[in-house]
C-alpha cells in the first residue's frame, strides 16, 4: 500500500491522510514511506476563499458513549506506546479482536446512537467558524442543509469504500459527490451527482 501511494505521490498527486476509528496507530514513519502528509483533526481547508472543515466524523457521534470511551483510550499516547511495544503477532490478534467487538457493537446498537448528535454538529460549526464541513464515519452519504445561529450551513457525509468508492470533488468553485465502481471487470466509472450546491446567504 505504501509503495502504491508513494508512486502516486511521485507522479505529482499530493496525498494526505487523516486517521479514523481503525487506523489510529498509523504513524509518521508509514506516512513518510507512503509519500503522504498526515493531517490533524479537524483540518481547515480553504477552497477559493471558503473555509471547509474536514474531520473523520466520530467526534460528532456523542450519543455513542461506549465508543467515545474507546476513542479516548486508543488516542492516548501512553496507550499507543504500550500497544506498539507488543510483538507483531499479538498486535494482529488484538486488531482482529477489536474488529469483532466493533461489529458486535454496531449490530447491537440503535442506529440513532451511532449517528451524529445535532448539538455536537452545531458546536463544531461554531467552534470552527465555518459553514461547510465534510466527514465520514457514519457511512451514510448525503448532503445535509441546516441552520446554525441563523446561518445556512452544510454537512457533507461520505460513504464507505466496501462496494464502491465515495469522494467529494472540488472543481471550478463547485463541490460534487462522486462514487467510483470497484468491480474488477468494469472500467472505473465516475458517477457525478451535483448535490452540494452553493450556500445560500444568511437567513
C-alpha atoms as a PDB file:
ATOM      1  CA  UNK A   1       0.000   0.000   0.000  1.00  0.00           C
ATOM      2  CA  UNK A   2       2.798   2.412   0.900  1.00  0.00           C
ATOM      3  CA  UNK A   3       4.566   1.653  -2.369  1.00  0.00           C
ATOM      4  CA  UNK A   4       1.467   2.381  -4.451  1.00  0.00           C
ATOM      5  CA  UNK A   5       0.732   5.588  -2.585  1.00  0.00           C
ATOM      6  CA  UNK A   6       4.324   6.778  -2.918  1.00  0.00           C
ATOM      7  CA  UNK A   7       4.179   6.075  -6.668  1.00  0.00           C
ATOM      8  CA  UNK A   8       1.065   8.240  -6.871  1.00  0.00           C
ATOM      9  CA  UNK A   9       2.767  10.998  -4.880  1.00  0.00           C
ATOM     10  CA  UNK A  10       5.895  10.801  -7.050  1.00  0.00           C
ATOM     11  CA  UNK A  11       3.701  11.311 -10.125  1.00  0.00           C
ATOM     12  CA  UNK A  12       2.631  14.695  -8.760  1.00  0.00           C
ATOM     13  CA  UNK A  13      -0.535  13.946  -6.765  1.00  0.00           C
ATOM     14  CA  UNK A  14      -0.495  15.392  -3.263  1.00  0.00           C
ATOM     15  CA  UNK A  15      -1.654  12.723  -0.819  1.00  0.00           C
ATOM     16  CA  UNK A  16      -2.983  13.477   2.664  1.00  0.00           C
ATOM     17  CA  UNK A  17      -4.068  11.176   5.473  1.00  0.00           C
ATOM     18  CA  UNK A  18      -6.452  11.661   8.386  1.00  0.00           C
ATOM     19  CA  UNK A  19      -6.811   8.726  10.756  1.00  0.00           C
ATOM     20  CA  UNK A  20     -10.181   7.234  11.620  1.00  0.00           C
ATOM     21  CA  UNK A  21     -11.519   4.768  14.152  1.00  0.00           C
ATOM     22  CA  UNK A  22      -9.443   1.807  12.916  1.00  0.00           C
ATOM     23  CA  UNK A  23      -6.158   3.257  11.642  1.00  0.00           C
ATOM     24  CA  UNK A  24      -5.286   5.444  14.630  1.00  0.00           C
ATOM     25  CA  UNK A  25      -1.902   3.718  15.026  1.00  0.00           C
ATOM     26  CA  UNK A  26      -0.636   4.816  11.608  1.00  0.00           C
ATOM     27  CA  UNK A  27       2.415   6.928  12.375  1.00  0.00           C
ATOM     28  CA  UNK A  28       4.745   9.402  10.733  1.00  0.00           C
ATOM     29  CA  UNK A  29       7.136   6.688   9.524  1.00  0.00           C
ATOM     30  CA  UNK A  30       4.446   4.982   7.433  1.00  0.00           C
ATOM     31  CA  UNK A  31       3.189   8.343   6.137  1.00  0.00           C
ATOM     32  CA  UNK A  32       6.734   9.228   5.034  1.00  0.00           C
ATOM     33  CA  UNK A  33       7.187   5.866   3.284  1.00  0.00           C
ATOM     34  CA  UNK A  34       3.849   6.375   1.510  1.00  0.00           C
ATOM     35  CA  UNK A  35       4.673   9.922   0.418  1.00  0.00           C
ATOM     36  CA  UNK A  36       1.680  11.384   2.216  1.00  0.00           C
ATOM     37  CA  UNK A  37       1.150  14.177   4.716  1.00  0.00           C
ATOM     38  CA  UNK A  38      -0.660  13.455   7.942  1.00  0.00           C
ATOM     39  CA  UNK A  39      -3.490  15.831   8.843  1.00  0.00           C
ATOM     40  CA  UNK A  40      -4.586  16.676  12.344  1.00  0.00           C
ATOM     41  CA  UNK A  41      -8.305  16.634  13.073  1.00  0.00           C
ATOM     42  CA  UNK A  42     -10.211  18.800  12.466  1.00  0.00           C
ATOM     43  CA  UNK A  43      -8.460  20.225   9.414  1.00  0.00           C
ATOM     44  CA  UNK A  44      -9.397  23.530   7.807  1.00  0.00           C
ATOM     45  CA  UNK A  45      -9.296  23.528   4.006  1.00  0.00           C
ATOM     46  CA  UNK A  46      -9.506  26.738   2.003  1.00  0.00           C
ATOM     47  CA  UNK A  47     -11.289  26.406  -1.325  1.00  0.00           C
ATOM     48  CA  UNK A  48     -11.304  29.671  -3.266  1.00  0.00           C
ATOM     49  CA  UNK A  49     -11.974  31.880  -0.315  1.00  0.00           C
ATOM     50  CA  UNK A  50     -14.259  29.442   1.537  1.00  0.00           C
ATOM     51  CA  UNK A  51     -13.071  27.578   4.622  1.00  0.00           C
ATOM     52  CA  UNK A  52     -14.263  23.966   4.827  1.00  0.00           C
ATOM     53  CA  UNK A  53     -13.751  21.772   7.873  1.00  0.00           C
ATOM     54  CA  UNK A  54     -12.524  18.210   7.303  1.00  0.00           C
ATOM     55  CA  UNK A  55     -12.904  15.599  10.040  1.00  0.00           C
ATOM     56  CA  UNK A  56     -13.360  11.869  10.364  1.00  0.00           C
ATOM     57  CA  UNK A  57     -16.760  12.341  11.986  1.00  0.00           C
ATOM     58  CA  UNK A  58     -16.655  10.076  15.020  1.00  0.00           C
ATOM     59  CA  UNK A  59     -16.353  13.032  17.407  1.00  0.00           C
ATOM     60  CA  UNK A  60     -19.838  14.085  16.293  1.00  0.00           C
ATOM     61  CA  UNK A  61     -21.390  10.804  17.497  1.00  0.00           C
ATOM     62  CA  UNK A  62     -21.504  11.811  21.162  1.00  0.00           C
ATOM     63  CA  UNK A  63     -24.587   9.682  21.937  1.00  0.00           C
ATOM     64  CA  UNK A  64     -22.465   6.553  21.423  1.00  0.00           C
ATOM     65  CA  UNK A  65     -20.965   6.734  24.918  1.00  0.00           C
ATOM     66  CA  UNK A  66     -19.120   3.402  24.817  1.00  0.00           C
ATOM     67  CA  UNK A  67     -17.443   4.269  21.518  1.00  0.00           C
ATOM     68  CA  UNK A  68     -16.352   7.683  22.814  1.00  0.00           C
ATOM     69  CA  UNK A  69     -14.800   5.930  25.824  1.00  0.00           C
ATOM     70  CA  UNK A  70     -12.942   3.589  23.444  1.00  0.00           C
ATOM     71  CA  UNK A  71     -11.819   6.539  21.311  1.00  0.00           C
ATOM     72  CA  UNK A  72     -10.322   8.388  24.276  1.00  0.00           C
ATOM     73  CA  UNK A  73      -8.373   5.270  25.276  1.00  0.00           C
ATOM     74  CA  UNK A  74      -6.895   4.420  21.884  1.00  0.00           C
ATOM     75  CA  UNK A  75      -5.925   8.036  21.140  1.00  0.00           C
ATOM     76  CA  UNK A  76      -3.934   8.262  24.373  1.00  0.00           C
ATOM     77  CA  UNK A  77      -0.180   8.381  23.522  1.00  0.00           C
ATOM     78  CA  UNK A  78       0.739   6.218  26.533  1.00  0.00           C
ATOM     79  CA  UNK A  79      -1.733   3.504  25.473  1.00  0.00           C
ATOM     80  CA  UNK A  80      -0.410   3.610  21.913  1.00  0.00           C
ATOM     81  CA  UNK A  81       3.188   3.217  23.101  1.00  0.00           C
ATOM     82  CA  UNK A  82       2.222   0.162  25.147  1.00  0.00           C
ATOM     83  CA  UNK A  83       0.425  -1.453  22.196  1.00  0.00           C
ATOM     84  CA  UNK A  84       3.235  -0.718  19.742  1.00  0.00           C
ATOM     85  CA  UNK A  85       5.741  -2.307  22.111  1.00  0.00           C
ATOM     86  CA  UNK A  86       3.962  -5.670  21.752  1.00  0.00           C
ATOM     87  CA  UNK A  87       5.077  -8.314  19.217  1.00  0.00           C
ATOM     88  CA  UNK A  88       3.510  -8.044  15.752  1.00  0.00           C
ATOM     89  CA  UNK A  89       1.611 -11.349  16.136  1.00  0.00           C
ATOM     90  CA  UNK A  90      -0.040 -10.099  19.320  1.00  0.00           C
ATOM     91  CA  UNK A  91      -0.956  -6.764  17.762  1.00  0.00           C
ATOM     92  CA  UNK A  92      -2.619  -8.557  14.844  1.00  0.00           C
ATOM     93  CA  UNK A  93      -4.570 -10.698  17.302  1.00  0.00           C
ATOM     94  CA  UNK A  94      -5.654  -7.614  19.237  1.00  0.00           C
ATOM     95  CA  UNK A  95      -6.740  -5.948  15.981  1.00  0.00           C
ATOM     96  CA  UNK A  96      -8.904  -8.931  15.000  1.00  0.00           C
ATOM     97  CA  UNK A  97     -10.489  -8.938  18.441  1.00  0.00           C
ATOM     98  CA  UNK A  98     -11.167  -5.182  18.238  1.00  0.00           C
ATOM     99  CA  UNK A  99     -12.879  -5.595  14.854  1.00  0.00           C
ATOM    100  CA  UNK A 100     -15.021  -8.422  16.225  1.00  0.00           C
ATOM    101  CA  UNK A 101     -16.098  -6.261  19.158  1.00  0.00           C
ATOM    102  CA  UNK A 102     -16.766  -3.361  16.801  1.00  0.00           C
ATOM    103  CA  UNK A 103     -19.072  -5.493  14.634  1.00  0.00           C
ATOM    104  CA  UNK A 104     -20.906  -6.715  17.735  1.00  0.00           C
ATOM    105  CA  UNK A 105     -21.309  -3.149  18.980  1.00  0.00           C
ATOM    106  CA  UNK A 106     -22.551  -1.931  15.591  1.00  0.00           C
ATOM    107  CA  UNK A 107     -25.040  -4.772  15.305  1.00  0.00           C
ATOM    108  CA  UNK A 108     -26.476  -4.324  18.790  1.00  0.00           C
ATOM    109  CA  UNK A 109     -26.634  -0.507  18.999  1.00  0.00           C
ATOM    110  CA  UNK A 110     -29.552   1.621  17.890  1.00  0.00           C
ATOM    111  CA  UNK A 111     -28.974   3.476  14.618  1.00  0.00           C
ATOM    112  CA  UNK A 112     -29.711   6.850  16.189  1.00  0.00           C
ATOM    113  CA  UNK A 113     -26.979   6.345  18.803  1.00  0.00           C
ATOM    114  CA  UNK A 114     -24.326   5.718  16.158  1.00  0.00           C
ATOM    115  CA  UNK A 115     -25.347   8.746  14.090  1.00  0.00           C
ATOM    116  CA  UNK A 116     -24.224  12.303  14.712  1.00  0.00           C
ATOM    117  CA  UNK A 117     -25.584  14.385  17.567  1.00  0.00           C
ATOM    118  CA  UNK A 118     -27.265  17.574  16.359  1.00  0.00           C
ATOM    119  CA  UNK A 119     -25.800  19.768  19.100  1.00  0.00           C
ATOM    120  CA  UNK A 120     -22.304  18.358  18.518  1.00  0.00           C
ATOM    121  CA  UNK A 121     -22.652  19.242  14.839  1.00  0.00           C
ATOM    122  CA  UNK A 122     -23.813  22.772  15.624  1.00  0.00           C
ATOM    123  CA  UNK A 123     -20.995  23.307  18.132  1.00  0.00           C
ATOM    124  CA  UNK A 124     -18.416  22.103  15.590  1.00  0.00           C
ATOM    125  CA  UNK A 125     -19.714  24.641  13.070  1.00  0.00           C
ATOM    126  CA  UNK A 126     -19.467  27.353  15.717  1.00  0.00           C
ATOM    127  CA  UNK A 127     -16.014  26.479  17.040  1.00  0.00           C
ATOM    128  CA  UNK A 128     -14.645  26.032  13.526  1.00  0.00           C
ATOM    129  CA  UNK A 129     -16.200  29.289  12.301  1.00  0.00           C
ATOM    130  CA  UNK A 130     -17.191  27.566   9.054  1.00  0.00           C
ATOM    131  CA  UNK A 131     -20.411  26.998   7.161  1.00  0.00           C
ATOM    132  CA  UNK A 132     -19.490  23.721   5.488  1.00  0.00           C
ATOM    133  CA  UNK A 133     -17.918  20.503   6.759  1.00  0.00           C
ATOM    134  CA  UNK A 134     -17.041  17.154   5.184  1.00  0.00           C
ATOM    135  CA  UNK A 135     -16.794  13.924   7.176  1.00  0.00           C
ATOM    136  CA  UNK A 136     -17.281  10.175   7.034  1.00  0.00           C
ATOM    137  CA  UNK A 137     -17.556   7.537   9.785  1.00  0.00           C
ATOM    138  CA  UNK A 138     -21.364   7.104   9.739  1.00  0.00           C
ATOM    139  CA  UNK A 139     -21.295   5.622   6.197  1.00  0.00           C
ATOM    140  CA  UNK A 140     -24.499   7.474   5.291  1.00  0.00           C
ATOM    141  CA  UNK A 141     -23.584   9.525   2.194  1.00  0.00           C
ATOM    142  CA  UNK A 142     -25.720  12.640   1.959  1.00  0.00           C
ATOM    143  CA  UNK A 143     -25.707  16.414   1.955  1.00  0.00           C
ATOM    144  CA  UNK A 144     -27.469  17.956   4.949  1.00  0.00           C
ATOM    145  CA  UNK A 145     -28.546  21.592   4.868  1.00  0.00           C
ATOM    146  CA  UNK A 146     -29.148  23.116   8.276  1.00  0.00           C
ATOM    147  CA  UNK A 147     -29.335  26.427  10.072  1.00  0.00           C
ATOM    148  CA  UNK A 148     -26.854  27.218  12.849  1.00  0.00           C
ATOM    149  CA  UNK A 149     -27.328  30.545  14.623  1.00  0.00           C
ATOM    150  CA  UNK A 150     -29.434  31.707  11.668  1.00  0.00           C
ATOM    151  CA  UNK A 151     -26.706  30.867   9.177  1.00  0.00           C
ATOM    152  CA  UNK A 152     -27.127  28.381   6.339  1.00  0.00           C
ATOM    153  CA  UNK A 153     -24.633  25.538   6.873  1.00  0.00           C
ATOM    154  CA  UNK A 154     -23.977  22.305   5.017  1.00  0.00           C
ATOM    155  CA  UNK A 155     -22.720  18.938   6.279  1.00  0.00           C
ATOM    156  CA  UNK A 156     -21.438  16.615   3.553  1.00  0.00           C
ATOM    157  CA  UNK A 157     -21.161  12.955   4.550  1.00  0.00           C
ATOM    158  CA  UNK A 158     -19.025  10.467   2.615  1.00  0.00           C
ATOM    159  CA  UNK A 159     -19.933   6.804   2.280  1.00  0.00           C
ATOM    160  CA  UNK A 160     -17.801   3.718   2.890  1.00  0.00           C
ATOM    161  CA  UNK A 161     -15.414   2.001   0.461  1.00  0.00           C
ATOM    162  CA  UNK A 162     -16.805  -1.542   0.504  1.00  0.00           C
ATOM    163  CA  UNK A 163     -18.766  -1.915  -2.729  1.00  0.00           C
ATOM    164  CA  UNK A 164     -17.833   1.428  -4.258  1.00  0.00           C
ATOM    165  CA  UNK A 165     -15.653   4.418  -3.559  1.00  0.00           C
ATOM    166  CA  UNK A 166     -17.044   7.653  -2.122  1.00  0.00           C
ATOM    167  CA  UNK A 167     -15.478  11.075  -2.502  1.00  0.00           C
ATOM    168  CA  UNK A 168     -16.036  14.794  -2.900  1.00  0.00           C
ATOM    169  CA  UNK A 169     -14.675  16.673  -5.903  1.00  0.00           C
ATOM    170  CA  UNK A 170     -13.970  20.397  -5.897  1.00  0.00           C
ATOM    171  CA  UNK A 171     -13.700  21.987  -9.337  1.00  0.00           C
ATOM    172  CA  UNK A 172     -14.463  25.425 -10.729  1.00  0.00           C
ATOM    173  CA  UNK A 173     -15.858  26.582  -7.415  1.00  0.00           C
ATOM    174  CA  UNK A 174     -18.348  23.712  -7.153  1.00  0.00           C
ATOM    175  CA  UNK A 175     -18.426  20.752  -4.751  1.00  0.00           C
ATOM    176  CA  UNK A 176     -19.784  17.457  -6.068  1.00  0.00           C
ATOM    177  CA  UNK A 177     -20.202  13.996  -4.547  1.00  0.00           C
ATOM    178  CA  UNK A 178     -18.947  11.075  -6.631  1.00  0.00           C
ATOM    179  CA  UNK A 179     -18.872   7.304  -6.456  1.00  0.00           C
ATOM    180  CA  UNK A 180     -16.287   5.020  -8.065  1.00  0.00           C
ATOM    181  CA  UNK A 181     -17.101   1.496  -9.235  1.00  0.00           C
ATOM    182  CA  UNK A 182     -14.887  -1.190  -7.660  1.00  0.00           C
ATOM    183  CA  UNK A 183     -15.907  -4.029  -9.990  1.00  0.00           C
ATOM    184  CA  UNK A 184     -12.770  -5.696 -11.355  1.00  0.00           C
ATOM    185  CA  UNK A 185     -14.313  -6.412 -14.761  1.00  0.00           C
ATOM    186  CA  UNK A 186     -15.609  -2.888 -15.336  1.00  0.00           C
ATOM    187  CA  UNK A 187     -13.942   0.301 -16.410  1.00  0.00           C
ATOM    188  CA  UNK A 188     -13.602   2.651 -13.459  1.00  0.00           C
ATOM    189  CA  UNK A 189     -16.648   4.856 -13.706  1.00  0.00           C
ATOM    190  CA  UNK A 190     -17.266   8.199 -12.086  1.00  0.00           C
ATOM    191  CA  UNK A 191     -20.903   8.847 -11.309  1.00  0.00           C
ATOM    192  CA  UNK A 192     -21.306  12.568 -10.818  1.00  0.00           C
ATOM    193  CA  UNK A 193     -24.056  13.821  -8.563  1.00  0.00           C
ATOM    194  CA  UNK A 194     -24.414  17.578  -8.236  1.00  0.00           C
ATOM    195  CA  UNK A 195     -25.536  17.548  -4.628  1.00  0.00           C
ATOM    196  CA  UNK A 196     -23.505  20.242  -2.912  1.00  0.00           C
ATOM    197  CA  UNK A 197     -24.991  23.483  -4.139  1.00  0.00           C
ATOM    198  CA  UNK A 198     -23.505  26.881  -3.206  1.00  0.00           C
ATOM    199  CA  UNK A 199     -24.501  28.048   0.228  1.00  0.00           C
ATOM    200  CA  UNK A 200     -27.348  30.495   0.453  1.00  0.00           C
ATOM    201  CA  UNK A 201     -26.961  33.830   2.225  1.00  0.00           C
ATOM    202  CA  UNK A 202     -27.657  34.315   5.906  1.00  0.00           C
ATOM    203  CA  UNK A 203     -31.263  33.844   6.944  1.00  0.00           C
END
